[in-house]
Amino acid sequence: MCSSDLSGIRMGTAGVTSMGMGAAEMDRIAGWFDQVVRSPADDAVKARVRAEIAECCGQFRVPGVRE
């Protein structure tokens, strides 16, 4: 299989692990992606997910910004 046969989204964990997030947060992140991808035109879903992400990220440090 060559790389042109692959499709999808590749997501790394370096950004979230450097903030101190772990497996539980990665599960939540995957759920947020799933909700938005399943309802891309639903502004209510996007607004709710955006608020949940902000609340979650507010609990963690951001290296170089909020330590």
PDB file of N, CA and C in Angstrom:
ATOM      1  N   MET A   1       0.849  -1.166   0.000  1.00  0.00           N
ATOM      2  CA  MET A   1       0.000   0.000   0.000  1.00  0.00           C
ATOM      3  C   MET A   1       0.897   1.231   0.000  1.00  0.00           C
ATOM      4  N   CYS A   2       0.642   2.153  -0.873  1.00  0.00           N
ATOM      5  CA  CYS A   2       1.401   3.397  -0.884  1.00  0.00           C
ATOM      6  C   CYS A   2       0.609   4.494  -0.182  1.00  0.00           C
ATOM      7  N   SER A   3       1.298   5.577   0.151  1.00  0.00           N
ATOM      8  CA  SER A   3       0.653   6.634   0.925  1.00  0.00           C
ATOM      9  C   SER A   3      -0.539   7.257   0.203  1.00  0.00           C
ATOM     10  N   SER A   4      -0.579   7.192  -1.110  1.00  0.00           N
ATOM     11  CA  SER A   4      -1.717   7.778  -1.827  1.00  0.00           C
ATOM     12  C   SER A   4      -2.979   6.941  -1.651  1.00  0.00           C
ATOM     13  N   ASP A   5      -2.848   5.717  -1.118  1.00  0.00           N
ATOM     14  CA  ASP A   5      -4.008   4.864  -0.869  1.00  0.00           C
ATOM     15  C   ASP A   5      -4.668   5.165   0.479  1.00  0.00           C
ATOM     16  N   LEU A   6      -4.028   5.968   1.291  1.00  0.00           N
ATOM     17  CA  LEU A   6      -4.537   6.237   2.630  1.00  0.00           C
ATOM     18  C   LEU A   6      -5.442   7.458   2.634  1.00  0.00           C
ATOM     19  N   SER A   7      -6.379   7.472   3.535  1.00  0.00           N
ATOM     20  CA  SER A   7      -7.240   8.640   3.691  1.00  0.00           C
ATOM     21  C   SER A   7      -7.615   8.773   5.157  1.00  0.00           C
ATOM     22  N   GLY A   8      -8.123   9.940   5.508  1.00  0.00           N
ATOM     23  CA  GLY A   8      -8.543  10.156   6.878  1.00  0.00           C
ATOM     24  C   GLY A   8      -7.776  11.291   7.512  1.00  0.00           C
ATOM     25  N   ILE A   9      -7.920  11.397   8.806  1.00  0.00           N
ATOM     26  CA  ILE A   9      -7.272  12.447   9.577  1.00  0.00           C
ATOM     27  C   ILE A   9      -6.250  11.796  10.498  1.00  0.00           C
ATOM     28  N   ARG A  10      -5.042  12.315  10.477  1.00  0.00           N
ATOM     29  CA  ARG A  10      -4.002  11.821  11.383  1.00  0.00           C
ATOM     30  C   ARG A  10      -3.860  12.840  12.507  1.00  0.00           C
ATOM     31  N   MET A  11      -4.023  12.384  13.730  1.00  0.00           N
ATOM     32  CA  MET A  11      -3.908  13.268  14.879  1.00  0.00           C
ATOM     33  C   MET A  11      -2.820  12.751  15.802  1.00  0.00           C
ATOM     34  N   GLY A  12      -1.958  13.650  16.226  1.00  0.00           N
ATOM     35  CA  GLY A  12      -0.919  13.291  17.175  1.00  0.00           C
ATOM     36  C   GLY A  12      -1.343  13.648  18.585  1.00  0.00           C
ATOM     37  N   THR A  13      -0.594  13.157  19.538  1.00  0.00           N
ATOM     38  CA  THR A  13      -0.930  13.413  20.927  1.00  0.00           C
ATOM     39  C   THR A  13       0.034  14.368  21.608  1.00  0.00           C
ATOM     40  N   ALA A  14       1.067  14.815  20.923  1.00  0.00           N
ATOM     41  CA  ALA A  14       2.082  15.657  21.565  1.00  0.00           C
ATOM     42  C   ALA A  14       1.496  16.920  22.175  1.00  0.00           C
ATOM     43  N   GLY A  15       0.587  17.563  21.481  1.00  0.00           N
ATOM     44  CA  GLY A  15      -0.013  18.798  21.990  1.00  0.00           C
ATOM     45  C   GLY A  15      -0.789  18.593  23.273  1.00  0.00           C
ATOM     46  N   VAL A  16      -1.579  17.536  23.319  1.00  0.00           N
ATOM     47  CA  VAL A  16      -2.394  17.326  24.512  1.00  0.00           C
ATOM     48  C   VAL A  16      -1.586  16.735  25.659  1.00  0.00           C
ATOM     49  N   THR A  17      -0.633  15.874  25.360  1.00  0.00           N
ATOM     50  CA  THR A  17       0.168  15.315  26.450  1.00  0.00           C
ATOM     51  C   THR A  17       1.082  16.374  27.056  1.00  0.00           C
ATOM     52  N   SER A  18       1.544  17.337  26.261  1.00  0.00           N
ATOM     53  CA  SER A  18       2.390  18.394  26.817  1.00  0.00           C
ATOM     54  C   SER A  18       1.584  19.304  27.744  1.00  0.00           C
ATOM     55  N   MET A  19       0.257  19.275  27.614  1.00  0.00           N
ATOM     56  CA  MET A  19      -0.609  20.033  28.517  1.00  0.00           C
ATOM     57  C   MET A  19      -0.961  19.228  29.763  1.00  0.00           C
ATOM     58  N   GLY A  20      -0.575  17.953  29.787  1.00  0.00           N
ATOM     59  CA  GLY A  20      -0.877  17.100  30.933  1.00  0.00           C
ATOM     60  C   GLY A  20      -2.130  16.261  30.766  1.00  0.00           C
ATOM     61  N   MET A  21      -2.692  16.258  29.570  1.00  0.00           N
ATOM     62  CA  MET A  21      -3.882  15.449  29.318  1.00  0.00           C
ATOM     63  C   MET A  21      -3.485  13.995  29.125  1.00  0.00           C
ATOM     64  N   GLY A  22      -4.441  13.101  29.378  1.00  0.00           N
ATOM     65  CA  GLY A  22      -4.181  11.673  29.245  1.00  0.00           C
ATOM     66  C   GLY A  22      -5.257  10.977  28.422  1.00  0.00           C
ATOM     67  N   ALA A  23      -5.413   9.689  28.677  1.00  0.00           N
ATOM     68  CA  ALA A  23      -6.332   8.854  27.902  1.00  0.00           C
ATOM     69  C   ALA A  23      -7.782   9.324  28.016  1.00  0.00           C
ATOM     70  N   ALA A  24      -8.193   9.746  29.192  1.00  0.00           N
ATOM     71  CA  ALA A  24      -9.586  10.188  29.367  1.00  0.00           C
ATOM     72  C   ALA A  24      -9.883  11.403  28.488  1.00  0.00           C
ATOM     73  N   GLU A  25      -8.945  12.336  28.443  1.00  0.00           N
ATOM     74  CA  GLU A  25      -9.139  13.523  27.620  1.00  0.00           C
ATOM     75  C   GLU A  25      -9.094  13.172  26.139  1.00  0.00           C
ATOM     76  N   MET A  26      -8.250  12.247  25.752  1.00  0.00           N
ATOM     77  CA  MET A  26      -8.207  11.822  24.346  1.00  0.00           C
ATOM     78  C   MET A  26      -9.537  11.193  23.942  1.00  0.00           C
ATOM     79  N   ASP A  27     -10.160  10.446  24.846  1.00  0.00           N
ATOM     80  CA  ASP A  27     -11.484   9.887  24.556  1.00  0.00           C
ATOM     81  C   ASP A  27     -12.499  11.007  24.334  1.00  0.00           C
ATOM     82  N   ARG A  28     -12.438  12.033  25.175  1.00  0.00           N
ATOM     83  CA  ARG A  28     -13.360  13.168  25.019  1.00  0.00           C
ATOM     84  C   ARG A  28     -13.115  13.888  23.693  1.00  0.00           C
ATOM     85  N   ILE A  29     -11.843  14.095  23.351  1.00  0.00           N
ATOM     86  CA  ILE A  29     -11.491  14.766  22.093  1.00  0.00           C
ATOM     87  C   ILE A  29     -12.023  13.980  20.900  1.00  0.00           C
ATOM     88  N   ALA A  30     -11.851  12.660  20.932  1.00  0.00           N
ATOM     89  CA  ALA A  30     -12.366  11.820  19.843  1.00  0.00           C
ATOM     90  C   ALA A  30     -13.885  11.956  19.747  1.00  0.00           C
ATOM     91  N   GLY A  31     -14.548  12.014  20.891  1.00  0.00           N
ATOM     92  CA  GLY A  31     -16.001  12.176  20.899  1.00  0.00           C
ATOM     93  C   GLY A  31     -16.420  13.508  20.294  1.00  0.00           C
ATOM     94  N   TRP A  32     -15.669  14.564  20.610  1.00  0.00           N
ATOM     95  CA  TRP A  32     -15.992  15.876  20.035  1.00  0.00           C
ATOM     96  C   TRP A  32     -15.842  15.867  18.520  1.00  0.00           C
ATOM     97  N   PHE A  33     -14.746  15.265  18.030  1.00  0.00           N
ATOM     98  CA  PHE A  33     -14.569  15.153  16.580  1.00  0.00           C
ATOM     99  C   PHE A  33     -15.753  14.410  15.975  1.00  0.00           C
ATOM    100  N   ASP A  34     -16.130  13.300  16.582  1.00  0.00           N
ATOM    101  CA  ASP A  34     -17.221  12.482  16.066  1.00  0.00           C
ATOM    102  C   ASP A  34     -18.521  13.276  15.996  1.00  0.00           C
ATOM    103  N   GLN A  35     -18.841  14.010  17.065  1.00  0.00           N
ATOM    104  CA  GLN A  35     -20.087  14.773  17.103  1.00  0.00           C
ATOM    105  C   GLN A  35     -20.135  15.828  15.994  1.00  0.00           C
ATOM    106  N   VAL A  36     -19.036  16.542  15.800  1.00  0.00           N
ATOM    107  CA  VAL A  36     -19.023  17.606  14.796  1.00  0.00           C
ATOM    108  C   VAL A  36     -19.011  17.030  13.377  1.00  0.00           C
ATOM    109  N   VAL A  37     -18.262  15.954  13.170  1.00  0.00           N
ATOM    110  CA  VAL A  37     -18.211  15.346  11.828  1.00  0.00           C
ATOM    111  C   VAL A  37     -19.578  14.778  11.445  1.00  0.00           C
ATOM    112  N   ARG A  38     -20.300  14.252  12.420  1.00  0.00           N
ATOM    113  CA  ARG A  38     -21.624  13.694  12.128  1.00  0.00           C
ATOM    114  C   ARG A  38     -22.690  14.781  11.896  1.00  0.00           C
ATOM    115  N   SER A  39     -22.437  15.984  12.409  1.00  0.00           N
ATOM    116  CA  SER A  39     -23.418  17.070  12.273  1.00  0.00           C
ATOM    117  C   SER A  39     -22.728  18.376  11.876  1.00  0.00           C
ATOM    118  N   PRO A  40     -22.063  18.402  10.726  1.00  0.00           N
ATOM    119  CA  PRO A  40     -21.257  19.573  10.374  1.00  0.00           C
ATOM    120  C   PRO A  40     -22.049  20.866  10.189  1.00  0.00           C
ATOM    121  N   ALA A  41     -23.329  20.778   9.908  1.00  0.00           N
ATOM    122  CA  ALA A  41     -24.127  21.987   9.692  1.00  0.00           C
ATOM    123  C   ALA A  41     -24.908  22.406  10.939  1.00  0.00           C
ATOM    124  N   ASP A  42     -24.784  21.640  12.019  1.00  0.00           N
ATOM    125  CA  ASP A  42     -25.549  21.910  13.235  1.00  0.00           C
ATOM    126  C   ASP A  42     -24.787  22.887  14.128  1.00  0.00           C
ATOM    127  N   ASP A  43     -25.194  24.138  14.088  1.00  0.00           N
ATOM    128  CA  ASP A  43     -24.505  25.176  14.863  1.00  0.00           C
ATOM    129  C   ASP A  43     -24.624  24.950  16.364  1.00  0.00           C
ATOM    130  N   ALA A  44     -25.717  24.343  16.817  1.00  0.00           N
ATOM    131  CA  ALA A  44     -25.886  24.072  18.246  1.00  0.00           C
ATOM    132  C   ALA A  44     -24.860  23.044  18.724  1.00  0.00           C
ATOM    133  N   VAL A  45     -24.632  22.010  17.919  1.00  0.00           N
ATOM    134  CA  VAL A  45     -23.625  21.000  18.261  1.00  0.00           C
ATOM    135  C   VAL A  45     -22.257  21.654  18.326  1.00  0.00           C
ATOM    136  N   LYS A  46     -21.938  22.457  17.318  1.00  0.00           N
ATOM    137  CA  LYS A  46     -20.623  23.112  17.289  1.00  0.00           C
ATOM    138  C   LYS A  46     -20.443  24.040  18.476  1.00  0.00           C
ATOM    139  N   ALA A  47     -21.461  24.777  18.851  1.00  0.00           N
ATOM    140  CA  ALA A  47     -21.367  25.695  19.988  1.00  0.00           C
ATOM    141  C   ALA A  47     -21.186  24.928  21.290  1.00  0.00           C
ATOM    142  N   ARG A  48     -21.944  23.830  21.461  1.00  0.00           N
ATOM    143  CA  ARG A  48     -21.820  23.027  22.678  1.00  0.00           C
ATOM    144  C   ARG A  48     -20.437  22.410  22.779  1.00  0.00           C
ATOM    145  N   VAL A  49     -19.960  21.837  21.676  1.00  0.00           N
ATOM    146  CA  VAL A  49     -18.633  21.215  21.668  1.00  0.00           C
ATOM    147  C   VAL A  49     -17.557  22.271  21.940  1.00  0.00           C
ATOM    148  N   ARG A  50     -17.678  23.428  21.332  1.00  0.00           N
ATOM    149  CA  ARG A  50     -16.717  24.509  21.559  1.00  0.00           C
ATOM    150  C   ARG A  50     -16.657  24.874  23.047  1.00  0.00           C
ATOM    151  N   ALA A  51     -17.806  24.977  23.687  1.00  0.00           N
ATOM    152  CA  ALA A  51     -17.859  25.311  25.118  1.00  0.00           C
ATOM    153  C   ALA A  51     -17.249  24.197  25.968  1.00  0.00           C
ATOM    154  N   GLU A  52     -17.531  22.949  25.622  1.00  0.00           N
ATOM    155  CA  GLU A  52     -16.963  21.818  26.360  1.00  0.00           C
ATOM    156  C   GLU A  52     -15.449  21.782  26.217  1.00  0.00           C
ATOM    157  N   ILE A  53     -14.947  22.079  25.032  1.00  0.00           N
ATOM    158  CA  ILE A  53     -13.500  22.109  24.802  1.00  0.00           C
ATOM    159  C   ILE A  53     -12.858  23.218  25.630  1.00  0.00           C
ATOM    160  N   ALA A  54     -13.458  24.394  25.627  1.00  0.00           N
ATOM    161  CA  ALA A  54     -12.915  25.516  26.398  1.00  0.00           C
ATOM    162  C   ALA A  54     -12.868  25.175  27.880  1.00  0.00           C
ATOM    163  N   GLU A  55     -13.931  24.558  28.390  1.00  0.00           N
ATOM    164  CA  GLU A  55     -13.985  24.177  29.803  1.00  0.00           C
ATOM    165  C   GLU A  55     -12.895  23.151  30.115  1.00  0.00           C
ATOM    166  N   CYS A  56     -12.748  22.163  29.252  1.00  0.00           N
ATOM    167  CA  CYS A  56     -11.733  21.119  29.452  1.00  0.00           C
ATOM    168  C   CYS A  56     -10.330  21.708  29.412  1.00  0.00           C
ATOM    169  N   CYS A  57     -10.048  22.487  28.392  1.00  0.00           N
ATOM    170  CA  CYS A  57      -8.695  23.044  28.233  1.00  0.00           C
ATOM    171  C   CYS A  57      -8.338  24.010  29.358  1.00  0.00           C
ATOM    172  N   GLY A  58      -9.339  24.659  29.935  1.00  0.00           N
ATOM    173  CA  GLY A  58      -9.092  25.572  31.039  1.00  0.00           C
ATOM    174  C   GLY A  58      -8.559  24.897  32.283  1.00  0.00           C
ATOM    175  N   GLN A  59      -8.672  23.577  32.344  1.00  0.00           N
ATOM    176  CA  GLN A  59      -8.210  22.807  33.497  1.00  0.00           C
ATOM    177  C   GLN A  59      -6.740  22.389  33.386  1.00  0.00           C
ATOM    178  N   PHE A  60      -6.113  22.690  32.258  1.00  0.00           N
ATOM    179  CA  PHE A  60      -4.752  22.230  32.012  1.00  0.00           C
ATOM    180  C   PHE A  60      -3.828  23.390  31.709  1.00  0.00           C
ATOM    181  N   ARG A  61      -2.559  23.188  31.984  1.00  0.00           N
ATOM    182  CA  ARG A  61      -1.555  24.212  31.698  1.00  0.00           C
ATOM    183  C   ARG A  61      -1.243  24.220  30.202  1.00  0.00           C
ATOM    184  N   VAL A  62      -0.827  25.355  29.718  1.00  0.00           N
ATOM    185  CA  VAL A  62      -0.389  25.493  28.326  1.00  0.00           C
ATOM    186  C   VAL A  62       1.060  25.921  28.379  1.00  0.00           C
ATOM    187  N   PRO A  63       1.996  25.024  28.056  1.00  0.00           N
ATOM    188  CA  PRO A  63       3.416  25.352  28.158  1.00  0.00           C
ATOM    189  C   PRO A  63       3.751  26.653  27.431  1.00  0.00           C
ATOM    190  N   GLY A  64       4.417  27.544  28.136  1.00  0.00           N
ATOM    191  CA  GLY A  64       4.811  28.810  27.568  1.00  0.00           C
ATOM    192  C   GLY A  64       3.758  29.893  27.645  1.00  0.00           C
ATOM    193  N   VAL A  65       2.529  29.514  28.019  1.00  0.00           N
ATOM    194  CA  VAL A  65       1.435  30.486  28.100  1.00  0.00           C
ATOM    195  C   VAL A  65       0.829  30.479  29.505  1.00  0.00           C
ATOM    196  N   ARG A  66       0.379  29.330  29.923  1.00  0.00           N
ATOM    197  CA  ARG A  66      -0.298  29.187  31.210  1.00  0.00           C
ATOM    198  C   ARG A  66       0.308  27.974  31.919  1.00  0.00           C
ATOM    199  N   GLU A  67       1.323  28.241  32.744  1.00  0.00           N
ATOM    200  CA  GLU A  67       2.037  27.124  33.377  1.00  0.00           C
ATOM    201  C   GLU A  67       1.741  26.960  34.823  1.00  0.00           C
TER     202      GLU A  67
END
